[in-house]
Amino acid sequence: MKRLYPDQPIVGVGAVIICNGKILLEKRKSEPGMGRWSIPGGLVELGENIEQAVMREVKEETGLE
């Protein structure tokens, strides 16, 4: 799926995780934004609800549950 200028909307999620006054950031491993700091997140997969997508993306990108 082409993401830069898609033919249809693409639903994405991002997680803002705060613990003891600190915000969790990850360094992006791939484009877009490779090498930049970002909140964990990504695209919602078909059949997932938003909560499931956020939990999956956080686990995939950080290893946290």
Protein backbone atom coordinates (compact mmCIF):
# COMPACT_ATOMS: atom_id res chain seq x y z
CA MET A 1 0.00 0.00 0.00
CA LYS A 2 1.39 3.38 -1.00
CA ARG A 3 1.41 5.66 2.06
CA LEU A 4 2.67 9.01 0.79
CA TYR A 5 -0.45 9.95 -1.17
CA PRO A 6 -2.91 7.07 -0.69
CA ASP A 7 -6.01 6.63 -2.83
CA GLN A 8 -8.06 6.00 0.31
CA PRO A 9 -7.77 6.91 3.99
CA ILE A 10 -5.33 4.90 6.10
CA VAL A 11 -6.10 4.69 9.82
CA GLY A 12 -3.16 4.97 12.18
CA VAL A 13 -2.63 5.04 15.94
CA GLY A 14 -0.02 6.47 18.28
CA ALA A 15 0.54 5.87 21.98
CA VAL A 16 1.55 8.60 24.42
CA ILE A 17 2.98 6.68 27.39
CA ILE A 18 3.83 8.71 30.48
CA CYS A 19 5.50 7.18 33.54
CA ASN A 20 6.91 9.16 36.48
CA GLY A 21 6.66 12.37 34.47
CA LYS A 22 8.63 10.95 31.52
CA ILE A 23 7.32 10.32 28.00
CA LEU A 24 8.34 7.15 26.14
CA LEU A 25 9.84 7.84 22.71
CA GLU A 26 11.33 5.45 20.19
CA LYS A 27 13.93 6.07 17.51
CA ARG A 28 12.37 5.18 14.15
CA LYS A 29 14.08 2.28 12.38
CA SER A 30 12.50 2.84 8.96
CA GLU A 31 10.92 5.49 6.79
CA PRO A 32 9.05 7.72 7.13
CA GLY A 33 11.19 9.59 9.62
CA MET A 34 14.00 7.03 9.94
CA GLY A 35 16.36 8.01 12.75
CA ARG A 36 13.96 10.51 14.30
CA TRP A 37 12.36 10.23 17.73
CA SER A 38 8.64 9.42 17.76
CA ILE A 39 5.85 8.03 19.89
CA PRO A 40 5.19 4.33 19.20
CA GLY A 41 2.44 3.72 16.68
CA GLY A 42 1.48 2.54 13.25
CA LEU A 43 -1.37 1.42 11.06
CA VAL A 44 -4.56 -0.27 12.22
CA GLU A 45 -4.89 -3.74 10.71
CA LEU A 46 -8.14 -4.99 9.20
CA GLY A 47 -10.44 -6.32 11.95
CA GLU A 48 -8.60 -4.59 14.81
CA ASN A 49 -10.17 -2.01 17.05
CA ILE A 50 -8.17 1.04 18.08
CA GLU A 51 -7.22 -0.34 21.51
CA GLN A 52 -5.94 -3.60 20.01
CA ALA A 53 -3.92 -1.70 17.42
CA VAL A 54 -2.28 0.55 20.03
CA MET A 55 -1.35 -2.41 22.25
CA ARG A 56 0.04 -4.38 19.29
CA GLU A 57 2.10 -1.46 17.98
CA VAL A 58 3.55 -0.64 21.42
CA LYS A 59 4.54 -4.29 21.92
CA GLU A 60 6.03 -4.59 18.41
CA GLU A 61 8.04 -1.40 18.67
CA THR A 62 9.09 -1.37 22.33
CA GLY A 63 8.52 -4.84 23.74
CA LEU A 64 6.24 -3.38 26.44
CA GLU A 65 2.80 -4.79 27.27
